[in-house]
Amino acid sequence: MRRISYNYRLSEEAEWDVYESFLWYENQRLGLGEEFLEELELAENAITSNPEGFAFRYKKKVRAYVMGRFPILILYIINGKNIDVIAVFNTNQHPKKWKNRV
């Protein structure tokens, strides 16, 4: 069986989510922001390895990867060979923040 190679792309909003989360974690403890980025890289590998393996979260279109160590959902849509990340969402925030991005 041939494995599909996916392009993992963050929207501009998702990039801001990552940046804001990094700063917040780094302000909590020096080095924690870096640990967050490392977990984010592991999440990207898991998603690109099996993008259809994670549950739908919104209108059978948006899938969610739950980060284990941090209260973060990575919300994405599969578009052919592209994995389009629409949000890197802190679960302590109101869901309306990311639902407006769909």
C-alpha atoms as a PDB file:
ATOM      1  CA  MET A   1       0.000   0.000   0.000  1.00  0.00           C
ATOM      2  CA  ARG A   2       1.368   3.384  -1.029  1.00  0.00           C
ATOM      3  CA  ARG A   3       1.394   6.140   1.561  1.00  0.00           C
ATOM      4  CA  ILE A   4       0.119   9.591   0.587  1.00  0.00           C
ATOM      5  CA  SER A   5       2.424  12.488   1.317  1.00  0.00           C
ATOM      6  CA  TYR A   6       0.510  15.441   2.772  1.00  0.00           C
ATOM      7  CA  ASN A   7       1.327  19.147   2.859  1.00  0.00           C
ATOM      8  CA  TYR A   8       0.807  20.484   6.386  1.00  0.00           C
ATOM      9  CA  ARG A   9      -0.165  24.145   6.202  1.00  0.00           C
ATOM     10  CA  LEU A  10      -1.037  26.574   8.973  1.00  0.00           C
ATOM     11  CA  SER A  11      -3.432  29.403   8.251  1.00  0.00           C
ATOM     12  CA  GLU A  12      -2.330  32.876   9.253  1.00  0.00           C
ATOM     13  CA  GLU A  13      -4.691  32.689  12.243  1.00  0.00           C
ATOM     14  CA  ALA A  14      -3.230  29.323  13.295  1.00  0.00           C
ATOM     15  CA  GLU A  15       0.274  30.782  13.078  1.00  0.00           C
ATOM     16  CA  TRP A  16      -0.846  33.560  15.431  1.00  0.00           C
ATOM     17  CA  ASP A  17      -2.368  30.946  17.751  1.00  0.00           C
ATOM     18  CA  VAL A  18       1.009  29.179  17.914  1.00  0.00           C
ATOM     19  CA  TYR A  19       2.880  32.428  18.507  1.00  0.00           C
ATOM     20  CA  GLU A  20       0.507  33.561  21.274  1.00  0.00           C
ATOM     21  CA  SER A  21       0.600  30.151  22.947  1.00  0.00           C
ATOM     22  CA  PHE A  22       4.383  30.039  22.751  1.00  0.00           C
ATOM     23  CA  LEU A  23       4.657  33.450  24.426  1.00  0.00           C
ATOM     24  CA  TRP A  24       2.127  32.530  27.111  1.00  0.00           C
ATOM     25  CA  TYR A  25       3.875  29.259  27.979  1.00  0.00           C
ATOM     26  CA  GLU A  26       7.302  30.892  27.893  1.00  0.00           C
ATOM     27  CA  ASN A  27       6.042  33.539  30.344  1.00  0.00           C
ATOM     28  CA  GLN A  28       4.811  30.801  32.665  1.00  0.00           C
ATOM     29  CA  ARG A  29       8.215  29.137  32.803  1.00  0.00           C
ATOM     30  CA  LEU A  30      11.351  29.743  30.761  1.00  0.00           C
ATOM     31  CA  GLY A  31      11.682  26.855  28.299  1.00  0.00           C
ATOM     32  CA  LEU A  32       8.025  25.795  28.475  1.00  0.00           C
ATOM     33  CA  GLY A  33       7.309  27.574  25.192  1.00  0.00           C
ATOM     34  CA  GLU A  34      10.037  25.495  23.532  1.00  0.00           C
ATOM     35  CA  GLU A  35       8.517  22.344  25.010  1.00  0.00           C
ATOM     36  CA  PHE A  36       5.168  23.412  23.550  1.00  0.00           C
ATOM     37  CA  LEU A  37       6.764  23.773  20.098  1.00  0.00           C
ATOM     38  CA  GLU A  38       8.314  20.308  20.407  1.00  0.00           C
ATOM     39  CA  GLU A  39       4.891  18.825  21.229  1.00  0.00           C
ATOM     40  CA  LEU A  40       3.455  20.720  18.284  1.00  0.00           C
ATOM     41  CA  GLU A  41       6.017  19.062  16.002  1.00  0.00           C
ATOM     42  CA  LEU A  42       5.054  15.622  17.344  1.00  0.00           C
ATOM     43  CA  ALA A  43       1.416  16.486  16.677  1.00  0.00           C
ATOM     44  CA  GLU A  44       2.219  17.476  13.081  1.00  0.00           C
ATOM     45  CA  ASN A  45       3.942  14.118  12.552  1.00  0.00           C
ATOM     46  CA  ALA A  46       0.971  12.237  13.991  1.00  0.00           C
ATOM     47  CA  ILE A  47      -1.519  14.158  11.862  1.00  0.00           C
ATOM     48  CA  THR A  48       0.420  13.811   8.616  1.00  0.00           C
ATOM     49  CA  SER A  49       0.910  10.089   9.271  1.00  0.00           C
ATOM     50  CA  ASN A  50      -2.817   9.450   9.706  1.00  0.00           C
ATOM     51  CA  PRO A  51      -4.909  12.575   9.026  1.00  0.00           C
ATOM     52  CA  GLU A  52      -8.190  10.677   8.798  1.00  0.00           C
ATOM     53  CA  GLY A  53      -7.582   8.975  12.134  1.00  0.00           C
ATOM     54  CA  PHE A  54      -8.782  11.859  14.267  1.00  0.00           C
ATOM     55  CA  ALA A  55     -12.360  12.710  15.157  1.00  0.00           C
ATOM     56  CA  PHE A  56     -14.557  15.240  13.420  1.00  0.00           C
ATOM     57  CA  ARG A  57     -15.267  18.261  15.566  1.00  0.00           C
ATOM     58  CA  TYR A  58     -17.499  20.507  13.491  1.00  0.00           C
ATOM     59  CA  LYS A  59     -19.935  19.792  10.666  1.00  0.00           C
ATOM     60  CA  LYS A  60     -18.100  16.622   9.532  1.00  0.00           C
ATOM     61  CA  LYS A  61     -15.461  18.863   8.030  1.00  0.00           C
ATOM     62  CA  VAL A  62     -13.046  19.927  10.769  1.00  0.00           C
ATOM     63  CA  ARG A  63     -10.988  17.261  12.513  1.00  0.00           C
ATOM     64  CA  ALA A  64      -9.293  17.691  15.876  1.00  0.00           C
ATOM     65  CA  TYR A  65      -6.029  16.415  17.254  1.00  0.00           C
ATOM     66  CA  VAL A  66      -5.835  16.637  21.039  1.00  0.00           C
ATOM     67  CA  MET A  67      -2.384  17.478  22.349  1.00  0.00           C
ATOM     68  CA  GLY A  68      -1.587  15.312  25.334  1.00  0.00           C
ATOM     69  CA  ARG A  69       0.471  17.588  27.533  1.00  0.00           C
ATOM     70  CA  PHE A  70      -1.080  20.950  26.739  1.00  0.00           C
ATOM     71  CA  PRO A  71      -4.804  21.892  26.669  1.00  0.00           C
ATOM     72  CA  ILE A  72      -4.645  22.439  22.919  1.00  0.00           C
ATOM     73  CA  LEU A  73      -6.707  21.195  19.976  1.00  0.00           C
ATOM     74  CA  ILE A  74      -5.213  21.320  16.512  1.00  0.00           C
ATOM     75  CA  LEU A  75      -8.167  21.833  14.202  1.00  0.00           C
ATOM     76  CA  TYR A  76      -7.677  20.988  10.555  1.00  0.00           C
ATOM     77  CA  ILE A  77      -9.392  20.224   7.273  1.00  0.00           C
ATOM     78  CA  ILE A  78      -8.143  17.699   4.734  1.00  0.00           C
ATOM     79  CA  ASN A  79      -8.186  19.157   1.220  1.00  0.00           C
ATOM     80  CA  GLY A  80      -6.816  16.524  -1.149  1.00  0.00           C
ATOM     81  CA  LYS A  81      -3.107  16.254  -0.320  1.00  0.00           C
ATOM     82  CA  ASN A  82      -3.246  19.293   1.939  1.00  0.00           C
ATOM     83  CA  ILE A  83      -3.839  19.389   5.653  1.00  0.00           C
ATOM     84  CA  ASP A  84      -5.023  22.919   6.343  1.00  0.00           C
ATOM     85  CA  VAL A  85      -4.724  23.829  10.017  1.00  0.00           C
ATOM     86  CA  ILE A  86      -7.337  26.456  10.831  1.00  0.00           C
ATOM     87  CA  ALA A  87      -6.628  26.777  14.560  1.00  0.00           C
ATOM     88  CA  VAL A  88      -4.268  25.753  17.313  1.00  0.00           C
ATOM     89  CA  PHE A  89      -6.931  26.232  19.921  1.00  0.00           C
ATOM     90  CA  ASN A  90      -6.546  26.467  23.684  1.00  0.00           C
ATOM     91  CA  THR A  91      -9.488  24.541  25.144  1.00  0.00           C
ATOM     92  CA  ASN A  92      -9.853  27.162  27.885  1.00  0.00           C
ATOM     93  CA  GLN A  93     -11.057  29.640  25.256  1.00  0.00           C
ATOM     94  CA  HIS A  94     -14.565  29.984  23.873  1.00  0.00           C
ATOM     95  CA  PRO A  95     -15.124  27.783  20.779  1.00  0.00           C
ATOM     96  CA  LYS A  96     -16.567  30.715  18.827  1.00  0.00           C
ATOM     97  CA  LYS A  97     -12.994  31.909  18.387  1.00  0.00           C
ATOM     98  CA  TRP A  98     -12.176  29.103  15.948  1.00  0.00           C
ATOM     99  CA  LYS A  99     -15.655  28.349  14.550  1.00  0.00           C
ATOM    100  CA  ASN A 100     -15.611  31.701  12.760  1.00  0.00           C
ATOM    101  CA  ARG A 101     -12.626  30.432  10.743  1.00  0.00           C
ATOM    102  CA  VAL A 102     -14.479  27.614   8.994  1.00  0.00           C
END
